[in-house]
Amino acid sequence: MSRARQPPLVTGISPNEGISWTKVTIRGENLGTGPTDLIGLTICGHNCLLTAEWMSASKIVCRVGQAKNDKGDIIVTTKSGGRGTSTVSFKLLKPEKIGILDQSAVWVDEMNYYDMRTDRNKGIPPLSLRPANPLGIEIDKGRFPQKDLEMLFPGMSADFTSENFSAAWYLIENHSTTSFDQLKMAVVHLKKQANKKSEGSLAYVKGGLSTFFEAQDALSGRRERSTVSLGIPLIVLPKIKTCDMTFR
């Protein structure tokens, strides 16, 4: 009678902290005999088996999911060894709040809208949604009654996130005493911010390429395995790839 294998033991994780969807490398002992032997993987109580990639009996790579706990163990479960234990833990960090002008890889709920004119907030703190001072110069408010401005600009808004934004209303409300030289400085500031946004967009796209290629490789591998299992000869696969590239 064969002796049962020892349960998995996680002795290390790198990095040991991060936000949701951080890619981590798990190291330990008896982490399974192969990909099919791995039947469970949780980090901070969240099931990460879907993103897990078994590398060896001492190494597994995966991504941390939307865990509920701020800190928790890394538990590996295998068919051969059962439920394991962990001598290390992972700390889940809270991501920074995403403003409406910030780039994001996830969808931001547009129902959390902030109206600068009436100071109505439906869920997210105002400062997390908009820059405090978009022009970069001193703000001087309250010199003109709000009702007068509404009559002067009917149907418009001083909120630059609104479709009916009026630049004249915004300047009168916030910079009525600002000198022309200061306004020219504000224009220079806005141009610098626009250039930073352009550079940031390019860097953001480059930063996401590795994740895209990882997903592409995984899908290609799964498609090839599915094609072979259906009895299609391997010689046909290169032709299928050529067709895919031609019609993309």
C-alpha atoms as a PDB file:
ATOM      1  CA  MET A   1       0.000   0.000   0.000  1.00  0.00           C
ATOM      2  CA  SER A   2       1.443   3.379  -1.072  1.00  0.00           C
ATOM      3  CA  ARG A   3       2.076   5.990   1.540  1.00  0.00           C
ATOM      4  CA  ALA A   4      -0.093   9.147   1.336  1.00  0.00           C
ATOM      5  CA  ARG A   5       1.682  12.339   0.329  1.00  0.00           C
ATOM      6  CA  GLN A   6       2.283  15.118   2.828  1.00  0.00           C
ATOM      7  CA  PRO A   7      -0.174  18.050   2.745  1.00  0.00           C
ATOM      8  CA  PRO A   8       0.934  21.212   0.925  1.00  0.00           C
ATOM      9  CA  LEU A   9       2.956  23.734   2.914  1.00  0.00           C
ATOM     10  CA  VAL A  10       3.336  27.345   1.750  1.00  0.00           C
ATOM     11  CA  THR A  11       6.558  28.885   3.048  1.00  0.00           C
ATOM     12  CA  GLY A  12       6.833  32.013   0.914  1.00  0.00           C
ATOM     13  CA  ILE A  13       4.949  34.464  -1.304  1.00  0.00           C
ATOM     14  CA  SER A  14       6.343  37.307  -3.389  1.00  0.00           C
ATOM     15  CA  PRO A  15       5.281  40.056  -3.182  1.00  0.00           C
ATOM     16  CA  ASN A  16       3.723  39.606   0.260  1.00  0.00           C
ATOM     17  CA  GLU A  17       1.374  42.566  -0.141  1.00  0.00           C
ATOM     18  CA  GLY A  18      -0.520  44.316  -2.922  1.00  0.00           C
ATOM     19  CA  ILE A  19      -3.916  45.315  -4.296  1.00  0.00           C
ATOM     20  CA  SER A  20      -6.419  42.980  -5.938  1.00  0.00           C
ATOM     21  CA  TRP A  21      -5.192  41.259  -9.139  1.00  0.00           C
ATOM     22  CA  THR A  22      -1.551  41.539  -8.089  1.00  0.00           C
ATOM     23  CA  LYS A  23       0.493  38.724  -9.645  1.00  0.00           C
ATOM     24  CA  VAL A  24       2.238  36.676  -6.945  1.00  0.00           C
ATOM     25  CA  THR A  25       4.639  33.743  -6.821  1.00  0.00           C
ATOM     26  CA  ILE A  26       3.893  31.117  -4.173  1.00  0.00           C
ATOM     27  CA  ARG A  27       6.680  28.829  -2.949  1.00  0.00           C
ATOM     28  CA  GLY A  28       6.572  25.879  -0.605  1.00  0.00           C
ATOM     29  CA  GLU A  29       6.596  22.102  -0.331  1.00  0.00           C
ATOM     30  CA  ASN A  30       4.311  19.396  -1.736  1.00  0.00           C
ATOM     31  CA  LEU A  31       2.328  21.860  -3.854  1.00  0.00           C
ATOM     32  CA  GLY A  32       1.029  19.094  -6.099  1.00  0.00           C
ATOM     33  CA  THR A  33       2.265  16.598  -8.657  1.00  0.00           C
ATOM     34  CA  GLY A  34       0.921  18.515 -11.640  1.00  0.00           C
ATOM     35  CA  PRO A  35      -1.704  21.026 -12.830  1.00  0.00           C
ATOM     36  CA  THR A  36      -4.516  18.484 -12.505  1.00  0.00           C
ATOM     37  CA  ASP A  37      -3.512  17.662  -8.929  1.00  0.00           C
ATOM     38  CA  LEU A  38      -4.090  21.268  -7.843  1.00  0.00           C
ATOM     39  CA  ILE A  39      -7.754  21.555  -6.831  1.00  0.00           C
ATOM     40  CA  GLY A  40      -7.775  24.542  -4.497  1.00  0.00           C
ATOM     41  CA  LEU A  41      -5.917  27.812  -3.878  1.00  0.00           C
ATOM     42  CA  THR A  42      -7.101  30.607  -1.611  1.00  0.00           C
ATOM     43  CA  ILE A  43      -5.420  33.871  -0.603  1.00  0.00           C
ATOM     44  CA  CYS A  44      -7.002  35.879   2.214  1.00  0.00           C
ATOM     45  CA  GLY A  45     -10.055  33.641   1.890  1.00  0.00           C
ATOM     46  CA  HIS A  46     -10.553  34.289  -1.851  1.00  0.00           C
ATOM     47  CA  ASN A  47     -10.495  31.474  -4.408  1.00  0.00           C
ATOM     48  CA  CYS A  48      -7.586  32.097  -6.803  1.00  0.00           C
ATOM     49  CA  LEU A  49      -7.641  28.716  -8.565  1.00  0.00           C
ATOM     50  CA  LEU A  50      -8.918  30.205 -11.834  1.00  0.00           C
ATOM     51  CA  THR A  51      -5.752  32.287 -12.300  1.00  0.00           C
ATOM     52  CA  ALA A  52      -3.364  29.709 -10.820  1.00  0.00           C
ATOM     53  CA  GLU A  53      -0.514  28.348 -12.945  1.00  0.00           C
ATOM     54  CA  TRP A  54       1.229  25.280 -11.509  1.00  0.00           C
ATOM     55  CA  MET A  55       4.974  25.475 -12.189  1.00  0.00           C
ATOM     56  CA  SER A  56       6.407  22.728  -9.975  1.00  0.00           C
ATOM     57  CA  ALA A  57       5.882  20.975  -6.661  1.00  0.00           C
ATOM     58  CA  SER A  58       7.461  24.008  -4.988  1.00  0.00           C
ATOM     59  CA  LYS A  59       6.142  26.907  -7.090  1.00  0.00           C
ATOM     60  CA  ILE A  60       2.731  28.260  -8.154  1.00  0.00           C
ATOM     61  CA  VAL A  61       1.976  31.585  -9.868  1.00  0.00           C
ATOM     62  CA  CYS A  62      -1.430  33.281  -9.629  1.00  0.00           C
ATOM     63  CA  ARG A  63      -3.229  36.596  -9.202  1.00  0.00           C
ATOM     64  CA  VAL A  64      -4.832  37.779  -5.973  1.00  0.00           C
ATOM     65  CA  GLY A  65      -8.590  38.242  -6.320  1.00  0.00           C
ATOM     66  CA  GLN A  66     -11.156  40.500  -4.657  1.00  0.00           C
ATOM     67  CA  ALA A  67     -10.528  39.207  -1.158  1.00  0.00           C
ATOM     68  CA  LYS A  68     -12.698  40.337   1.741  1.00  0.00           C
ATOM     69  CA  ASN A  69      -9.998  40.030   4.397  1.00  0.00           C
ATOM     70  CA  ASP A  70      -7.176  42.560   4.653  1.00  0.00           C
ATOM     71  CA  LYS A  71      -4.658  39.894   5.650  1.00  0.00           C
ATOM     72  CA  GLY A  72      -4.759  36.128   5.483  1.00  0.00           C
ATOM     73  CA  ASP A  73      -3.050  32.823   4.786  1.00  0.00           C
ATOM     74  CA  ILE A  74      -2.272  31.170   1.468  1.00  0.00           C
ATOM     75  CA  ILE A  75      -3.928  27.755   1.426  1.00  0.00           C
ATOM     76  CA  VAL A  76      -3.147  25.179  -1.281  1.00  0.00           C
ATOM     77  CA  THR A  77      -5.280  22.047  -1.681  1.00  0.00           C
ATOM     78  CA  THR A  78      -4.269  19.043  -3.795  1.00  0.00           C
ATOM     79  CA  LYS A  79      -5.803  15.672  -4.616  1.00  0.00           C
ATOM     80  CA  SER A  80      -2.742  13.837  -3.397  1.00  0.00           C
ATOM     81  CA  GLY A  81      -2.096  15.723  -0.164  1.00  0.00           C
ATOM     82  CA  GLY A  82      -5.397  17.344   0.770  1.00  0.00           C
ATOM     83  CA  ARG A  83      -5.749  20.770   2.370  1.00  0.00           C
ATOM     84  CA  GLY A  84      -2.460  22.409   3.250  1.00  0.00           C
ATOM     85  CA  THR A  85      -1.182  25.036   5.661  1.00  0.00           C
ATOM     86  CA  SER A  86       0.822  28.245   5.448  1.00  0.00           C
ATOM     87  CA  THR A  87       3.624  29.779   7.482  1.00  0.00           C
ATOM     88  CA  VAL A  88       3.332  33.144   5.725  1.00  0.00           C
ATOM     89  CA  SER A  89       0.502  35.566   4.998  1.00  0.00           C
ATOM     90  CA  PHE A  90      -0.489  38.073   2.326  1.00  0.00           C
ATOM     91  CA  LYS A  91      -1.596  41.635   3.074  1.00  0.00           C
ATOM     92  CA  LEU A  92      -4.263  43.027   0.754  1.00  0.00           C
ATOM     93  CA  LEU A  93      -3.872  46.775   0.188  1.00  0.00           C
ATOM     94  CA  LYS A  94      -6.758  49.070  -0.660  1.00  0.00           C
ATOM     95  CA  PRO A  95      -6.374  50.705  -4.087  1.00  0.00           C
ATOM     96  CA  GLU A  96      -6.437  54.471  -4.410  1.00  0.00           C
ATOM     97  CA  LYS A  97      -9.801  55.961  -5.302  1.00  0.00           C
ATOM     98  CA  ILE A  98     -10.196  56.597  -9.008  1.00  0.00           C
ATOM     99  CA  GLY A  99     -11.322  60.035 -10.144  1.00  0.00           C
ATOM    100  CA  ILE A 100     -13.320  60.677 -13.283  1.00  0.00           C
ATOM    101  CA  LEU A 101     -10.254  62.176 -14.977  1.00  0.00           C
ATOM    102  CA  ASP A 102      -7.928  59.314 -13.998  1.00  0.00           C
ATOM    103  CA  GLN A 103      -7.037  56.322 -16.158  1.00  0.00           C
ATOM    104  CA  SER A 104      -8.355  52.993 -14.986  1.00  0.00           C
ATOM    105  CA  ALA A 105      -8.327  49.384 -16.141  1.00  0.00           C
ATOM    106  CA  VAL A 106     -11.755  48.843 -14.606  1.00  0.00           C
ATOM    107  CA  TRP A 107     -15.119  50.516 -15.167  1.00  0.00           C
ATOM    108  CA  VAL A 108     -15.883  53.431 -12.860  1.00  0.00           C
ATOM    109  CA  ASP A 109     -19.515  53.789 -11.801  1.00  0.00           C
ATOM    110  CA  GLU A 110     -20.778  57.015 -13.379  1.00  0.00           C
ATOM    111  CA  MET A 111     -23.729  57.186 -11.000  1.00  0.00           C
ATOM    112  CA  ASN A 112     -21.360  58.561  -8.364  1.00  0.00           C
ATOM    113  CA  TYR A 113     -21.569  62.068  -9.761  1.00  0.00           C
ATOM    114  CA  TYR A 114     -20.536  65.269  -8.067  1.00  0.00           C
ATOM    115  CA  ASP A 115     -22.095  68.625  -8.939  1.00  0.00           C
ATOM    116  CA  MET A 116     -19.711  71.481  -8.128  1.00  0.00           C
ATOM    117  CA  ARG A 117     -22.457  74.076  -8.365  1.00  0.00           C
ATOM    118  CA  THR A 118     -24.793  72.635  -5.733  1.00  0.00           C
ATOM    119  CA  ASP A 119     -22.219  70.537  -3.806  1.00  0.00           C
ATOM    120  CA  ARG A 120     -24.392  67.430  -4.088  1.00  0.00           C
ATOM    121  CA  ASN A 121     -22.551  64.172  -3.624  1.00  0.00           C
ATOM    122  CA  LYS A 122     -24.102  60.746  -4.289  1.00  0.00           C
ATOM    123  CA  GLY A 123     -21.482  58.509  -2.763  1.00  0.00           C
ATOM    124  CA  ILE A 124     -17.873  59.398  -3.464  1.00  0.00           C
ATOM    125  CA  PRO A 125     -16.064  62.241  -1.663  1.00  0.00           C
ATOM    126  CA  PRO A 126     -15.799  65.294  -3.945  1.00  0.00           C
ATOM    127  CA  LEU A 127     -12.015  65.512  -3.774  1.00  0.00           C
ATOM    128  CA  SER A 128     -11.676  62.000  -5.157  1.00  0.00           C
ATOM    129  CA  LEU A 129     -13.651  62.944  -8.283  1.00  0.00           C
ATOM    130  CA  ARG A 130     -12.071  66.173  -9.462  1.00  0.00           C
ATOM    131  CA  PRO A 131      -8.872  68.218  -9.189  1.00  0.00           C
ATOM    132  CA  ALA A 132      -9.026  70.836  -6.437  1.00  0.00           C
ATOM    133  CA  ASN A 133      -7.616  73.532  -8.722  1.00  0.00           C
ATOM    134  CA  PRO A 134      -7.474  72.646 -12.441  1.00  0.00           C
ATOM    135  CA  LEU A 135      -5.923  75.985 -13.491  1.00  0.00           C
ATOM    136  CA  GLY A 136      -3.207  75.922 -10.854  1.00  0.00           C
ATOM    137  CA  ILE A 137      -3.844  79.497  -9.670  1.00  0.00           C
ATOM    138  CA  GLU A 138      -5.540  80.939  -6.606  1.00  0.00           C
ATOM    139  CA  ILE A 139      -9.338  80.618  -6.487  1.00  0.00           C
ATOM    140  CA  ASP A 140     -11.477  83.535  -5.315  1.00  0.00           C
ATOM    141  CA  LYS A 141     -15.157  82.543  -5.047  1.00  0.00           C
ATOM    142  CA  GLY A 142     -18.331  84.159  -3.796  1.00  0.00           C
ATOM    143  CA  ARG A 143     -18.159  87.611  -5.393  1.00  0.00           C
ATOM    144  CA  PHE A 144     -21.164  87.029  -7.667  1.00  0.00           C
ATOM    145  CA  PRO A 145     -24.527  85.621  -6.480  1.00  0.00           C
ATOM    146  CA  GLN A 146     -25.276  82.157  -7.800  1.00  0.00           C
ATOM    147  CA  LYS A 147     -28.733  83.185  -9.022  1.00  0.00           C
ATOM    148  CA  ASP A 148     -27.271  85.982 -11.145  1.00  0.00           C
ATOM    149  CA  LEU A 149     -24.854  83.582 -12.793  1.00  0.00           C
ATOM    150  CA  GLU A 150     -27.654  81.113 -13.524  1.00  0.00           C
ATOM    151  CA  MET A 151     -29.643  83.882 -15.217  1.00  0.00           C
ATOM    152  CA  LEU A 152     -26.577  85.050 -17.153  1.00  0.00           C
ATOM    153  CA  PHE A 153     -25.785  81.520 -18.403  1.00  0.00           C
ATOM    154  CA  PRO A 154     -29.135  79.715 -18.761  1.00  0.00           C
ATOM    155  CA  GLY A 155     -28.833  75.981 -19.220  1.00  0.00           C
ATOM    156  CA  MET A 156     -25.079  76.064 -18.655  1.00  0.00           C
ATOM    157  CA  SER A 157     -22.866  74.942 -15.775  1.00  0.00           C
ATOM    158  CA  ALA A 158     -19.581  75.901 -14.132  1.00  0.00           C
ATOM    159  CA  ASP A 159     -18.846  72.227 -13.519  1.00  0.00           C
ATOM    160  CA  PHE A 160     -16.179  71.205 -16.040  1.00  0.00           C
ATOM    161  CA  THR A 161     -17.396  67.589 -15.841  1.00  0.00           C
ATOM    162  CA  SER A 162     -20.779  68.640 -17.249  1.00  0.00           C
ATOM    163  CA  GLU A 163     -21.748  68.446 -20.920  1.00  0.00           C
ATOM    164  CA  ASN A 164     -23.023  72.034 -20.631  1.00  0.00           C
ATOM    165  CA  PHE A 165     -19.805  73.403 -19.142  1.00  0.00           C
ATOM    166  CA  SER A 166     -19.313  77.146 -19.596  1.00  0.00           C
ATOM    167  CA  ALA A 167     -15.727  78.363 -19.318  1.00  0.00           C
ATOM    168  CA  ALA A 168     -16.903  81.963 -18.901  1.00  0.00           C
ATOM    169  CA  TRP A 169     -19.133  81.005 -15.963  1.00  0.00           C
ATOM    170  CA  TYR A 170     -16.285  79.080 -14.339  1.00  0.00           C
ATOM    171  CA  LEU A 171     -13.868  82.006 -14.680  1.00  0.00           C
ATOM    172  CA  ILE A 172     -16.371  84.557 -13.346  1.00  0.00           C
ATOM    173  CA  GLU A 173     -17.260  82.345 -10.391  1.00  0.00           C
ATOM    174  CA  ASN A 174     -13.716  81.324  -9.443  1.00  0.00           C
ATOM    175  CA  HIS A 175     -11.321  83.891 -10.925  1.00  0.00           C
ATOM    176  CA  SER A 176     -13.159  87.202 -11.223  1.00  0.00           C
ATOM    177  CA  THR A 177     -10.239  89.122  -9.658  1.00  0.00           C
ATOM    178  CA  THR A 178      -7.454  87.173 -11.350  1.00  0.00           C
ATOM    179  CA  SER A 179      -5.084  89.246 -13.491  1.00  0.00           C
ATOM    180  CA  PHE A 180      -4.547  88.571 -17.184  1.00  0.00           C
ATOM    181  CA  ASP A 181      -0.931  87.534 -16.552  1.00  0.00           C
ATOM    182  CA  GLN A 182      -2.103  84.924 -14.056  1.00  0.00           C
ATOM    183  CA  LEU A 183      -4.613  83.602 -16.577  1.00  0.00           C
ATOM    184  CA  LYS A 184      -1.799  83.222 -19.112  1.00  0.00           C
ATOM    185  CA  MET A 185       0.114  81.228 -16.500  1.00  0.00           C
ATOM    186  CA  ALA A 186      -2.980  79.062 -16.097  1.00  0.00           C
ATOM    187  CA  VAL A 187      -2.973  78.343 -19.845  1.00  0.00           C
ATOM    188  CA  VAL A 188       0.650  77.182 -19.626  1.00  0.00           C
ATOM    189  CA  HIS A 189      -0.293  74.987 -16.661  1.00  0.00           C
ATOM    190  CA  LEU A 190      -3.168  73.386 -18.589  1.00  0.00           C
ATOM    191  CA  LYS A 191      -0.891  72.647 -21.562  1.00  0.00           C
ATOM    192  CA  LYS A 192       1.606  70.925 -19.265  1.00  0.00           C
ATOM    193  CA  GLN A 193      -1.169  68.850 -17.737  1.00  0.00           C
ATOM    194  CA  ALA A 194      -2.404  67.857 -21.200  1.00  0.00           C
ATOM    195  CA  ASN A 195       1.104  66.742 -22.215  1.00  0.00           C
ATOM    196  CA  LYS A 196       1.403  64.681 -19.036  1.00  0.00           C
ATOM    197  CA  LYS A 197      -1.925  63.008 -19.830  1.00  0.00           C
ATOM    198  CA  SER A 198      -0.686  62.102 -23.319  1.00  0.00           C
ATOM    199  CA  GLU A 199       2.556  60.636 -21.978  1.00  0.00           C
ATOM    200  CA  GLY A 200       0.636  58.824 -19.252  1.00  0.00           C
ATOM    201  CA  SER A 201      -1.743  57.268 -21.778  1.00  0.00           C
ATOM    202  CA  LEU A 202       1.151  55.793 -23.758  1.00  0.00           C
ATOM    203  CA  ALA A 203       2.830  54.474 -20.615  1.00  0.00           C
ATOM    204  CA  TYR A 204      -0.503  53.036 -19.463  1.00  0.00           C
ATOM    205  CA  VAL A 205      -0.924  51.102 -22.707  1.00  0.00           C
ATOM    206  CA  LYS A 206       2.656  49.799 -22.573  1.00  0.00           C
ATOM    207  CA  GLY A 207       2.181  48.712 -18.975  1.00  0.00           C
ATOM    208  CA  GLY A 208      -0.840  46.600 -19.902  1.00  0.00           C
ATOM    209  CA  LEU A 209       0.793  44.815 -22.836  1.00  0.00           C
ATOM    210  CA  SER A 210       2.330  42.070 -20.695  1.00  0.00           C
ATOM    211  CA  THR A 211      -1.069  41.162 -19.238  1.00  0.00           C
ATOM    212  CA  PHE A 212      -2.591  41.145 -22.730  1.00  0.00           C
ATOM    213  CA  PHE A 213       0.103  38.839 -24.103  1.00  0.00           C
ATOM    214  CA  GLU A 214      -0.251  36.482 -21.136  1.00  0.00           C
ATOM    215  CA  ALA A 215      -3.982  36.191 -21.794  1.00  0.00           C
ATOM    216  CA  GLN A 216      -3.358  35.762 -25.537  1.00  0.00           C
ATOM    217  CA  ASP A 217      -0.882  32.927 -24.927  1.00  0.00           C
ATOM    218  CA  ALA A 218      -3.267  31.204 -22.531  1.00  0.00           C
ATOM    219  CA  LEU A 219      -6.146  31.389 -25.028  1.00  0.00           C
ATOM    220  CA  SER A 220      -3.936  30.172 -27.880  1.00  0.00           C
ATOM    221  CA  GLY A 221      -2.758  27.209 -25.829  1.00  0.00           C
ATOM    222  CA  ARG A 222      -6.302  26.280 -24.852  1.00  0.00           C
ATOM    223  CA  ARG A 223      -7.480  26.532 -28.470  1.00  0.00           C
ATOM    224  CA  GLU A 224      -4.657  24.294 -29.699  1.00  0.00           C
ATOM    225  CA  ARG A 225      -5.445  21.658 -27.074  1.00  0.00           C
ATOM    226  CA  SER A 226      -9.134  21.795 -27.997  1.00  0.00           C
ATOM    227  CA  THR A 227      -8.308  21.482 -31.701  1.00  0.00           C
ATOM    228  CA  VAL A 228      -6.078  18.448 -31.164  1.00  0.00           C
ATOM    229  CA  SER A 229      -8.682  16.753 -28.974  1.00  0.00           C
ATOM    230  CA  LEU A 230     -11.199  17.035 -31.813  1.00  0.00           C
ATOM    231  CA  GLY A 231      -8.973  14.913 -34.049  1.00  0.00           C
ATOM    232  CA  ILE A 232      -7.693  17.680 -36.353  1.00  0.00           C
ATOM    233  CA  PRO A 233      -4.127  16.858 -37.519  1.00  0.00           C
ATOM    234  CA  LEU A 234      -1.330  19.005 -36.094  1.00  0.00           C
ATOM    235  CA  ILE A 235      -0.252  19.958 -39.608  1.00  0.00           C
ATOM    236  CA  VAL A 236      -3.455  21.981 -39.980  1.00  0.00           C
ATOM    237  CA  LEU A 237      -2.750  24.196 -36.931  1.00  0.00           C
ATOM    238  CA  PRO A 238      -0.189  26.498 -38.653  1.00  0.00           C
ATOM    239  CA  LYS A 239      -2.655  27.086 -41.470  1.00  0.00           C
ATOM    240  CA  ILE A 240      -5.366  27.986 -38.946  1.00  0.00           C
ATOM    241  CA  LYS A 241      -3.022  30.499 -37.305  1.00  0.00           C
ATOM    242  CA  THR A 242      -2.199  32.005 -40.708  1.00  0.00           C
ATOM    243  CA  CYS A 243      -5.898  32.453 -41.464  1.00  0.00           C
ATOM    244  CA  ASP A 244      -6.479  34.063 -38.088  1.00  0.00           C
ATOM    245  CA  MET A 245      -3.691  36.585 -38.662  1.00  0.00           C
ATOM    246  CA  THR A 246      -4.955  37.315 -42.183  1.00  0.00           C
ATOM    247  CA  PHE A 247      -8.510  38.166 -41.150  1.00  0.00           C
ATOM    248  CA  ARG A 248      -7.739  40.057 -37.928  1.00  0.00           C
END
